[in-house]
Amino acid sequence: MDINTIGVCGAGTMGRGIALTAALAGFNTRLFDLQPAALERAKEQLQKELKKSIEKGKYTEAFAAQALARIEFTEDIDACVGEIFIEAIVEQAEPKIALFNQLAERNHSDCIFASNTSSLSITEMAKAIQHPERVIGLHFFNPATLMKLVEVVTTPFTAPSVQEIAWKLMQDFQKTPVLCIDSPGFIVNRVARPFYIESLRLLEEKKAGMQQLDRILTAAGFKMGPFALMDLIGNDINYAVSCSVYDQLGKPERLRPSSIQQQLVQTGKWGQKSGEGYYQYKSG
């Protein structure tokens, strides 16, 4: 199947990053969100990101302008027609399933539906979506325009042709795809839970401070410390992933989510995107 148009659903940090990645790779892209304000913010942020890239000499003004022109911003689901859709909406299964089924009614039966979920079961979602064989996971990492790794997550239903198309598309995106069988946390988030949770545990037990932990782990070779990284990812997303993996693996004590992070999420301190998390950030 030739891919001419890619739909990206959700105009938040991840969604707009995926949309820009697709546009930079030469694909016509529709970025869909129900909130006009979210689409406007996304357009402004993409313009800022491209401007910085031009200033750094990464892109020419003409190339950046062409990429941005490939992105159509829409709040109209009836305009969402394409060969593949990648969702990056709220980290809950029900809205994702409902969205894909709405899109299935508006697109041909070979259209591919890819979820960017960090930890939800792709298999369980596929069971509730028309033609489950066309459902797959494409888990990007933040920031999507810069991070090379993408987990290509298959289910028992996923058609081999869908896996092949998704894999080739990630290569066209200049990404490094890794094949993963659907399981709690996939590969990266399964491995990364102790990095976050043990750091939070040390903070809870007053054995070390967050700045100290970030400094030590950065000095040990990690590009970012756990607290700075959780703020970048978003504490709401990171906490949801921890809860999901914890529940799906039978609630082992070693993976119990942190009450400190839970409180941050409940008070809206999600990290960089909200202006405050473990650290404080300048607005805009």
C-alpha atoms as a PDB file:
ATOM      1  CA  MET A   1       0.000   0.000   0.000  1.00  0.00           C
ATOM      2  CA  ASP A   2       1.300   3.432  -0.947  1.00  0.00           C
ATOM      3  CA  ILE A   3       1.084   5.964   1.858  1.00  0.00           C
ATOM      4  CA  ASN A   4       0.175   9.423   0.642  1.00  0.00           C
ATOM      5  CA  THR A   5      -1.441  10.959   3.720  1.00  0.00           C
ATOM      6  CA  ILE A   6      -0.716  10.314   7.391  1.00  0.00           C
ATOM      7  CA  GLY A   7      -3.213  11.274  10.058  1.00  0.00           C
ATOM      8  CA  VAL A   8      -1.939  12.206  13.511  1.00  0.00           C
ATOM      9  CA  CYS A   9      -4.544  12.487  16.264  1.00  0.00           C
ATOM     10  CA  GLY A  10      -3.795  14.667  19.268  1.00  0.00           C
ATOM     11  CA  ALA A  11      -2.040  18.036  19.013  1.00  0.00           C
ATOM     12  CA  GLY A  12      -0.103  17.853  22.270  1.00  0.00           C
ATOM     13  CA  THR A  13       3.664  17.634  22.585  1.00  0.00           C
ATOM     14  CA  MET A  14       3.932  14.119  21.192  1.00  0.00           C
ATOM     15  CA  GLY A  15       1.288  14.462  18.502  1.00  0.00           C
ATOM     16  CA  ARG A  16       2.716  17.629  17.016  1.00  0.00           C
ATOM     17  CA  GLY A  17       6.212  16.098  17.146  1.00  0.00           C
ATOM     18  CA  ILE A  18       5.048  13.037  15.202  1.00  0.00           C
ATOM     19  CA  ALA A  19       3.226  15.251  12.701  1.00  0.00           C
ATOM     20  CA  LEU A  20       6.348  17.325  12.091  1.00  0.00           C
ATOM     21  CA  THR A  21       8.448  14.176  11.738  1.00  0.00           C
ATOM     22  CA  ALA A  22       6.061  12.894   9.061  1.00  0.00           C
ATOM     23  CA  ALA A  23       6.030  16.230   7.242  1.00  0.00           C
ATOM     24  CA  LEU A  24       9.831  16.509   7.312  1.00  0.00           C
ATOM     25  CA  ALA A  25       9.955  13.048   5.728  1.00  0.00           C
ATOM     26  CA  GLY A  26       7.856  14.355   2.839  1.00  0.00           C
ATOM     27  CA  PHE A  27       4.408  13.043   3.753  1.00  0.00           C
ATOM     28  CA  ASN A  28       1.172  15.007   3.596  1.00  0.00           C
ATOM     29  CA  THR A  29      -0.006  15.082   7.202  1.00  0.00           C
ATOM     30  CA  ARG A  30      -3.320  15.881   8.887  1.00  0.00           C
ATOM     31  CA  LEU A  31      -3.031  16.859  12.534  1.00  0.00           C
ATOM     32  CA  PHE A  32      -6.412  16.374  14.213  1.00  0.00           C
ATOM     33  CA  ASP A  33      -7.573  17.642  17.578  1.00  0.00           C
ATOM     34  CA  LEU A  34     -11.037  18.491  18.877  1.00  0.00           C
ATOM     35  CA  GLN A  35      -9.718  21.668  20.522  1.00  0.00           C
ATOM     36  CA  PRO A  36      -8.987  24.594  18.151  1.00  0.00           C
ATOM     37  CA  ALA A  37      -6.775  26.182  20.816  1.00  0.00           C
ATOM     38  CA  ALA A  38      -4.619  23.042  20.930  1.00  0.00           C
ATOM     39  CA  LEU A  39      -4.180  23.161  17.162  1.00  0.00           C
ATOM     40  CA  GLU A  40      -3.212  26.830  17.305  1.00  0.00           C
ATOM     41  CA  ARG A  41      -0.643  26.142  20.053  1.00  0.00           C
ATOM     42  CA  ALA A  42       0.716  23.241  18.036  1.00  0.00           C
ATOM     43  CA  LYS A  43       1.187  25.424  14.967  1.00  0.00           C
ATOM     44  CA  GLU A  44       2.947  28.102  17.008  1.00  0.00           C
ATOM     45  CA  GLN A  45       5.258  25.571  18.659  1.00  0.00           C
ATOM     46  CA  LEU A  46       6.112  23.933  15.345  1.00  0.00           C
ATOM     47  CA  GLN A  47       6.972  27.317  13.867  1.00  0.00           C
ATOM     48  CA  LYS A  48       9.255  28.011  16.838  1.00  0.00           C
ATOM     49  CA  GLU A  49      10.928  24.616  16.536  1.00  0.00           C
ATOM     50  CA  LEU A  50      11.539  25.046  12.830  1.00  0.00           C
ATOM     51  CA  LYS A  51      12.888  28.558  13.366  1.00  0.00           C
ATOM     52  CA  LYS A  52      15.428  27.207  15.884  1.00  0.00           C
ATOM     53  CA  SER A  53      16.430  24.487  13.434  1.00  0.00           C
ATOM     54  CA  ILE A  54      16.964  27.096  10.710  1.00  0.00           C
ATOM     55  CA  GLU A  55      19.089  29.225  13.055  1.00  0.00           C
ATOM     56  CA  LYS A  56      21.224  26.170  13.858  1.00  0.00           C
ATOM     57  CA  GLY A  57      21.697  25.494  10.153  1.00  0.00           C
ATOM     58  CA  LYS A  58      19.827  22.186  10.264  1.00  0.00           C
ATOM     59  CA  TYR A  59      17.225  23.198   7.666  1.00  0.00           C
ATOM     60  CA  THR A  60      16.961  25.904   5.046  1.00  0.00           C
ATOM     61  CA  GLU A  61      14.044  28.325   5.259  1.00  0.00           C
ATOM     62  CA  ALA A  62      12.586  26.848   2.079  1.00  0.00           C
ATOM     63  CA  PHE A  63      12.765  23.265   3.373  1.00  0.00           C
ATOM     64  CA  ALA A  64      11.164  24.216   6.702  1.00  0.00           C
ATOM     65  CA  ALA A  65       8.401  26.160   4.953  1.00  0.00           C
ATOM     66  CA  GLN A  66       7.652  23.188   2.692  1.00  0.00           C
ATOM     67  CA  ALA A  67       7.461  20.839   5.680  1.00  0.00           C
ATOM     68  CA  LEU A  68       5.066  23.093   7.589  1.00  0.00           C
ATOM     69  CA  ALA A  69       2.926  23.498   4.475  1.00  0.00           C
ATOM     70  CA  ARG A  70       2.474  19.716   4.345  1.00  0.00           C
ATOM     71  CA  ILE A  71       0.654  19.780   7.706  1.00  0.00           C
ATOM     72  CA  GLU A  72      -3.086  20.403   7.660  1.00  0.00           C
ATOM     73  CA  PHE A  73      -4.508  21.363  11.054  1.00  0.00           C
ATOM     74  CA  THR A  74      -8.103  20.230  11.523  1.00  0.00           C
ATOM     75  CA  GLU A  75     -10.759  19.807  14.212  1.00  0.00           C
ATOM     76  CA  ASP A  76     -13.085  18.066  11.755  1.00  0.00           C
ATOM     77  CA  ILE A  77     -12.963  14.286  12.046  1.00  0.00           C
ATOM     78  CA  ASP A  78     -14.732  13.980   8.701  1.00  0.00           C
ATOM     79  CA  ALA A  79     -11.590  15.489   7.129  1.00  0.00           C
ATOM     80  CA  CYS A  80      -9.479  12.690   8.592  1.00  0.00           C
ATOM     81  CA  VAL A  81      -8.899  10.495   5.579  1.00  0.00           C
ATOM     82  CA  GLY A  82      -5.593   8.750   4.957  1.00  0.00           C
ATOM     83  CA  GLU A  83      -3.722   5.477   4.708  1.00  0.00           C
ATOM     84  CA  ILE A  84      -2.434   5.371   8.295  1.00  0.00           C
ATOM     85  CA  PHE A  85      -3.413   7.110  11.521  1.00  0.00           C
ATOM     86  CA  ILE A  86      -1.146   7.499  14.542  1.00  0.00           C
ATOM     87  CA  GLU A  87      -2.931   8.474  17.748  1.00  0.00           C
ATOM     88  CA  ALA A  88      -1.282  10.381  20.580  1.00  0.00           C
ATOM     89  CA  ILE A  89      -4.309  11.281  22.671  1.00  0.00           C
ATOM     90  CA  VAL A  90      -5.091  10.757  26.364  1.00  0.00           C
ATOM     91  CA  GLU A  91      -3.486   7.617  27.867  1.00  0.00           C
ATOM     92  CA  GLN A  92      -6.747   5.711  28.309  1.00  0.00           C
ATOM     93  CA  ALA A  93      -7.899   2.757  26.217  1.00  0.00           C
ATOM     94  CA  GLU A  94     -11.564   3.725  25.789  1.00  0.00           C
ATOM     95  CA  PRO A  95     -10.995   7.078  24.013  1.00  0.00           C
ATOM     96  CA  LYS A  96      -8.368   5.508  21.757  1.00  0.00           C
ATOM     97  CA  ILE A  97     -10.724   2.677  20.769  1.00  0.00           C
ATOM     98  CA  ALA A  98     -13.602   5.100  20.161  1.00  0.00           C
ATOM     99  CA  LEU A  99     -11.372   7.315  17.999  1.00  0.00           C
ATOM    100  CA  PHE A 100     -10.124   4.450  15.838  1.00  0.00           C
ATOM    101  CA  ASN A 101     -13.641   3.114  15.323  1.00  0.00           C
ATOM    102  CA  GLN A 102     -14.810   6.580  14.255  1.00  0.00           C
ATOM    103  CA  LEU A 103     -11.930   6.765  11.801  1.00  0.00           C
ATOM    104  CA  ALA A 104     -12.681   3.253  10.542  1.00  0.00           C
ATOM    105  CA  GLU A 105     -16.113   4.433   9.433  1.00  0.00           C
ATOM    106  CA  ARG A 106     -14.530   7.206   7.348  1.00  0.00           C
ATOM    107  CA  ASN A 107     -11.683   5.266   5.740  1.00  0.00           C
ATOM    108  CA  HIS A 108     -11.179   2.172   3.602  1.00  0.00           C
ATOM    109  CA  SER A 109     -10.793  -1.245   5.202  1.00  0.00           C
ATOM    110  CA  ASP A 110      -7.013  -1.375   4.581  1.00  0.00           C
ATOM    111  CA  CYS A 111      -6.339   1.798   6.589  1.00  0.00           C
ATOM    112  CA  ILE A 112      -3.814   1.183   9.382  1.00  0.00           C
ATOM    113  CA  PHE A 113      -4.350   2.332  12.954  1.00  0.00           C
ATOM    114  CA  ALA A 114      -1.253   2.830  15.114  1.00  0.00           C
ATOM    115  CA  SER A 115      -1.280   3.726  18.784  1.00  0.00           C
ATOM    116  CA  ASN A 116       1.515   5.688  20.419  1.00  0.00           C
ATOM    117  CA  THR A 117       0.496   4.401  23.848  1.00  0.00           C
ATOM    118  CA  SER A 118       3.374   4.017  26.283  1.00  0.00           C
ATOM    119  CA  SER A 119       2.012   0.987  28.105  1.00  0.00           C
ATOM    120  CA  LEU A 120      -1.623   0.131  27.346  1.00  0.00           C
ATOM    121  CA  SER A 121      -2.303  -3.247  25.763  1.00  0.00           C
ATOM    122  CA  ILE A 122      -2.412  -2.945  21.976  1.00  0.00           C
ATOM    123  CA  THR A 123      -3.965  -6.414  21.865  1.00  0.00           C
ATOM    124  CA  GLU A 124      -6.914  -5.440  24.058  1.00  0.00           C
ATOM    125  CA  MET A 125      -7.495  -2.316  21.988  1.00  0.00           C
ATOM    126  CA  ALA A 126      -7.317  -4.284  18.730  1.00  0.00           C
ATOM    127  CA  LYS A 127     -10.034  -6.657  19.948  1.00  0.00           C
ATOM    128  CA  ALA A 128     -12.466  -3.742  20.130  1.00  0.00           C
ATOM    129  CA  ILE A 129     -11.564  -2.163  16.771  1.00  0.00           C
ATOM    130  CA  GLN A 130     -12.960  -3.071  13.361  1.00  0.00           C
ATOM    131  CA  HIS A 131     -10.489  -5.266  11.464  1.00  0.00           C
ATOM    132  CA  PRO A 132      -8.057  -5.887  14.374  1.00  0.00           C
ATOM    133  CA  GLU A 133      -5.438  -7.157  11.940  1.00  0.00           C
ATOM    134  CA  ARG A 134      -4.709  -3.555  10.904  1.00  0.00           C
ATOM    135  CA  VAL A 135      -3.925  -2.341  14.453  1.00  0.00           C
ATOM    136  CA  ILE A 136      -0.314  -1.898  15.585  1.00  0.00           C
ATOM    137  CA  GLY A 137       1.692   0.103  18.097  1.00  0.00           C
ATOM    138  CA  LEU A 138       4.168   2.813  17.079  1.00  0.00           C
ATOM    139  CA  HIS A 139       5.676   4.060  20.317  1.00  0.00           C
ATOM    140  CA  PHE A 140       7.723   7.214  19.742  1.00  0.00           C
ATOM    141  CA  PHE A 141       9.852   8.866  22.402  1.00  0.00           C
ATOM    142  CA  ASN A 142       9.867  12.533  23.368  1.00  0.00           C
ATOM    143  CA  PRO A 143      10.902  14.711  21.590  1.00  0.00           C
ATOM    144  CA  ALA A 144       9.627  12.772  18.596  1.00  0.00           C
ATOM    145  CA  THR A 145      11.519  14.878  16.059  1.00  0.00           C
ATOM    146  CA  LEU A 146      14.877  14.096  17.688  1.00  0.00           C
ATOM    147  CA  MET A 147      14.619  10.670  19.315  1.00  0.00           C
ATOM    148  CA  LYS A 148      15.502   7.935  16.836  1.00  0.00           C
ATOM    149  CA  LEU A 149      13.995   4.886  18.530  1.00  0.00           C
ATOM    150  CA  VAL A 150      10.438   3.754  17.764  1.00  0.00           C
ATOM    151  CA  GLU A 151       8.963   0.549  19.199  1.00  0.00           C
ATOM    152  CA  VAL A 152       6.887  -1.277  16.562  1.00  0.00           C
ATOM    153  CA  VAL A 153       4.454  -3.261  18.708  1.00  0.00           C
ATOM    154  CA  THR A 154       2.607  -6.217  17.191  1.00  0.00           C
ATOM    155  CA  THR A 155      -0.313  -8.248  18.504  1.00  0.00           C
ATOM    156  CA  PRO A 156      -1.512 -11.791  17.694  1.00  0.00           C
ATOM    157  CA  PHE A 157      -3.924 -10.140  15.248  1.00  0.00           C
ATOM    158  CA  THR A 158      -1.488  -7.854  13.406  1.00  0.00           C
ATOM    159  CA  ALA A 159      -1.210  -8.755   9.726  1.00  0.00           C
ATOM    160  CA  PRO A 160       2.372  -9.290   8.467  1.00  0.00           C
ATOM    161  CA  SER A 161       1.739  -6.691   5.744  1.00  0.00           C
ATOM    162  CA  VAL A 162       0.786  -4.099   8.398  1.00  0.00           C
ATOM    163  CA  GLN A 163       3.987  -4.804  10.316  1.00  0.00           C
ATOM    164  CA  GLU A 164       5.996  -4.471   7.110  1.00  0.00           C
ATOM    165  CA  ILE A 165       4.365  -1.162   6.152  1.00  0.00           C
ATOM    166  CA  ALA A 166       4.816   0.294   9.641  1.00  0.00           C
ATOM    167  CA  TRP A 167       8.467  -0.777   9.753  1.00  0.00           C
ATOM    168  CA  LYS A 168       9.192   0.735   6.330  1.00  0.00           C
ATOM    169  CA  LEU A 169       7.386   3.950   7.301  1.00  0.00           C
ATOM    170  CA  MET A 170       9.584   4.376  10.388  1.00  0.00           C
ATOM    171  CA  GLN A 171      12.644   3.940   8.194  1.00  0.00           C
ATOM    172  CA  ASP A 172      11.241   6.621   5.876  1.00  0.00           C
ATOM    173  CA  PHE A 173      10.894   8.807   8.985  1.00  0.00           C
ATOM    174  CA  GLN A 174      14.671   8.290   9.501  1.00  0.00           C
ATOM    175  CA  LYS A 175      13.917   6.425  12.736  1.00  0.00           C
ATOM    176  CA  THR A 176      15.404   3.253  14.204  1.00  0.00           C
ATOM    177  CA  PRO A 177      12.504   0.794  14.559  1.00  0.00           C
ATOM    178  CA  VAL A 178      12.675  -2.125  16.968  1.00  0.00           C
ATOM    179  CA  LEU A 179      10.155  -4.964  16.802  1.00  0.00           C
ATOM    180  CA  CYS A 180       8.340  -5.715  20.024  1.00  0.00           C
ATOM    181  CA  ILE A 181       5.604  -8.220  20.935  1.00  0.00           C
ATOM    182  CA  ASP A 182       2.789  -6.599  22.904  1.00  0.00           C
ATOM    183  CA  SER A 183       3.483  -6.947  26.642  1.00  0.00           C
ATOM    184  CA  PRO A 184       3.264  -4.656  29.711  1.00  0.00           C
ATOM    185  CA  GLY A 185       5.496  -1.622  29.163  1.00  0.00           C
ATOM    186  CA  PHE A 186       6.792  -3.076  25.878  1.00  0.00           C
ATOM    187  CA  ILE A 187      10.619  -3.018  26.056  1.00  0.00           C
ATOM    188  CA  VAL A 188      11.803   0.457  27.042  1.00  0.00           C
ATOM    189  CA  ASN A 189       9.188   1.318  29.653  1.00  0.00           C
ATOM    190  CA  ARG A 190       9.467  -2.132  31.205  1.00  0.00           C
ATOM    191  CA  VAL A 191      13.225  -1.710  31.593  1.00  0.00           C
ATOM    192  CA  ALA A 192      12.988   1.959  32.636  1.00  0.00           C
ATOM    193  CA  ARG A 193      10.545   1.546  35.566  1.00  0.00           C
ATOM    194  CA  PRO A 194      13.281   0.896  38.172  1.00  0.00           C
ATOM    195  CA  PHE A 195      15.200   3.956  36.939  1.00  0.00           C
ATOM    196  CA  TYR A 196      12.274   6.165  37.931  1.00  0.00           C
ATOM    197  CA  ILE A 197      10.713   4.224  40.787  1.00  0.00           C
ATOM    198  CA  GLU A 198      13.912   3.461  42.720  1.00  0.00           C
ATOM    199  CA  SER A 199      14.925   7.120  42.412  1.00  0.00           C
ATOM    200  CA  LEU A 200      11.543   8.169  43.786  1.00  0.00           C
ATOM    201  CA  ARG A 201      11.860   5.574  46.544  1.00  0.00           C
ATOM    202  CA  LEU A 202      15.189   7.059  47.634  1.00  0.00           C
ATOM    203  CA  LEU A 203      13.523  10.472  47.718  1.00  0.00           C
ATOM    204  CA  GLU A 204      10.555   9.135  49.723  1.00  0.00           C
ATOM    205  CA  GLU A 205      12.910   7.531  52.248  1.00  0.00           C
ATOM    206  CA  LYS A 206      14.971  10.738  52.460  1.00  0.00           C
ATOM    207  CA  LYS A 207      18.099   8.829  51.453  1.00  0.00           C
ATOM    208  CA  ALA A 208      18.956  11.332  48.700  1.00  0.00           C
ATOM    209  CA  GLY A 209      17.608  14.538  47.162  1.00  0.00           C
ATOM    210  CA  MET A 210      16.266  14.805  43.626  1.00  0.00           C
ATOM    211  CA  GLN A 211      18.954  17.263  42.484  1.00  0.00           C
ATOM    212  CA  GLN A 212      21.608  15.004  43.977  1.00  0.00           C
ATOM    213  CA  LEU A 213      20.168  11.952  42.216  1.00  0.00           C
ATOM    214  CA  ASP A 214      19.914  13.770  38.885  1.00  0.00           C
ATOM    215  CA  ARG A 215      23.497  15.003  39.225  1.00  0.00           C
ATOM    216  CA  ILE A 216      24.905  11.594  40.180  1.00  0.00           C
ATOM    217  CA  LEU A 217      23.105   9.661  37.445  1.00  0.00           C
ATOM    218  CA  THR A 218      24.034  12.236  34.816  1.00  0.00           C
ATOM    219  CA  ALA A 219      27.654  11.963  35.963  1.00  0.00           C
ATOM    220  CA  ALA A 220      27.340   8.176  35.658  1.00  0.00           C
ATOM    221  CA  GLY A 221      26.591   8.542  31.949  1.00  0.00           C
ATOM    222  CA  PHE A 222      22.833   9.030  31.653  1.00  0.00           C
ATOM    223  CA  LYS A 223      21.934  11.913  29.354  1.00  0.00           C
ATOM    224  CA  MET A 224      19.318  13.132  31.856  1.00  0.00           C
ATOM    225  CA  GLY A 225      18.617  12.376  35.485  1.00  0.00           C
ATOM    226  CA  PRO A 226      15.319  10.662  36.400  1.00  0.00           C
ATOM    227  CA  PHE A 227      13.551  13.748  37.788  1.00  0.00           C
ATOM    228  CA  ALA A 228      14.496  16.035  34.896  1.00  0.00           C
ATOM    229  CA  LEU A 229      13.469  13.280  32.488  1.00  0.00           C
ATOM    230  CA  MET A 230      10.108  12.709  34.172  1.00  0.00           C
ATOM    231  CA  ASP A 231       9.448  16.448  33.913  1.00  0.00           C
ATOM    232  CA  LEU A 232      10.293  16.313  30.203  1.00  0.00           C
ATOM    233  CA  ILE A 233       8.067  13.291  29.543  1.00  0.00           C
ATOM    234  CA  GLY A 234       5.269  14.656  31.728  1.00  0.00           C
ATOM    235  CA  ASN A 235       4.544  13.331  35.200  1.00  0.00           C
ATOM    236  CA  ASP A 236       0.970  12.587  34.178  1.00  0.00           C
ATOM    237  CA  ILE A 237       2.180  10.273  31.411  1.00  0.00           C
ATOM    238  CA  ASN A 238       5.048   8.785  33.403  1.00  0.00           C
ATOM    239  CA  TYR A 239       2.819   8.042  36.393  1.00  0.00           C
ATOM    240  CA  ALA A 240       0.128   6.503  34.153  1.00  0.00           C
ATOM    241  CA  VAL A 241       2.747   4.199  32.623  1.00  0.00           C
ATOM    242  CA  SER A 242       4.011   3.164  36.069  1.00  0.00           C
ATOM    243  CA  CYS A 243       0.456   2.393  37.196  1.00  0.00           C
ATOM    244  CA  SER A 244      -0.281   0.444  34.012  1.00  0.00           C
ATOM    245  CA  VAL A 245       2.848  -1.714  34.199  1.00  0.00           C
ATOM    246  CA  TYR A 246       2.325  -2.241  37.952  1.00  0.00           C
ATOM    247  CA  ASP A 247      -1.263  -3.426  37.454  1.00  0.00           C
ATOM    248  CA  GLN A 248      -0.573  -5.609  34.415  1.00  0.00           C
ATOM    249  CA  LEU A 249       2.312  -7.419  36.151  1.00  0.00           C
ATOM    250  CA  GLY A 250       0.278  -8.275  39.248  1.00  0.00           C
ATOM    251  CA  LYS A 251       1.256  -5.331  41.483  1.00  0.00           C
ATOM    252  CA  PRO A 252       4.762  -6.359  42.563  1.00  0.00           C
ATOM    253  CA  GLU A 253       6.037  -4.221  45.449  1.00  0.00           C
ATOM    254  CA  ARG A 254       9.229  -3.353  43.562  1.00  0.00           C
ATOM    255  CA  LEU A 255       7.142  -1.540  40.933  1.00  0.00           C
ATOM    256  CA  ARG A 256       4.688   0.224  43.236  1.00  0.00           C
ATOM    257  CA  PRO A 257       4.098   3.765  41.858  1.00  0.00           C
ATOM    258  CA  SER A 258       5.293   6.643  44.002  1.00  0.00           C
ATOM    259  CA  SER A 259       2.950   8.700  46.164  1.00  0.00           C
ATOM    260  CA  ILE A 260       5.195  11.725  45.517  1.00  0.00           C
ATOM    261  CA  GLN A 261       4.561  11.511  41.793  1.00  0.00           C
ATOM    262  CA  GLN A 262       0.869  10.811  42.366  1.00  0.00           C
ATOM    263  CA  GLN A 263       0.555  14.034  44.339  1.00  0.00           C
ATOM    264  CA  LEU A 264       2.324  16.029  41.624  1.00  0.00           C
ATOM    265  CA  VAL A 265      -0.087  14.660  39.032  1.00  0.00           C
ATOM    266  CA  GLN A 266      -3.135  15.404  41.171  1.00  0.00           C
ATOM    267  CA  THR A 267      -2.028  19.031  41.693  1.00  0.00           C
ATOM    268  CA  GLY A 268      -1.334  19.615  37.991  1.00  0.00           C
ATOM    269  CA  LYS A 269       2.440  19.743  38.357  1.00  0.00           C
ATOM    270  CA  TRP A 270       3.118  17.733  35.237  1.00  0.00           C
ATOM    271  CA  GLY A 271       6.555  19.082  34.411  1.00  0.00           C
ATOM    272  CA  GLN A 272       7.763  21.285  31.582  1.00  0.00           C
ATOM    273  CA  LYS A 273       4.392  21.437  29.827  1.00  0.00           C
ATOM    274  CA  SER A 274       2.636  22.819  32.925  1.00  0.00           C
ATOM    275  CA  GLY A 275       5.525  25.032  34.065  1.00  0.00           C
ATOM    276  CA  GLU A 276       6.232  23.055  37.238  1.00  0.00           C
ATOM    277  CA  GLY A 277       6.989  19.503  38.237  1.00  0.00           C
ATOM    278  CA  TYR A 278       9.945  18.422  40.326  1.00  0.00           C
ATOM    279  CA  TYR A 279      11.499  21.638  39.035  1.00  0.00           C
ATOM    280  CA  GLN A 280      10.069  24.975  37.941  1.00  0.00           C
ATOM    281  CA  TYR A 281      10.178  26.165  34.325  1.00  0.00           C
ATOM    282  CA  LYS A 282       9.688  29.451  32.545  1.00  0.00           C
ATOM    283  CA  SER A 283       6.369  29.737  30.727  1.00  0.00           C
ATOM    284  CA  GLY A 284       6.394  29.467  26.906  1.00  0.00           C
END
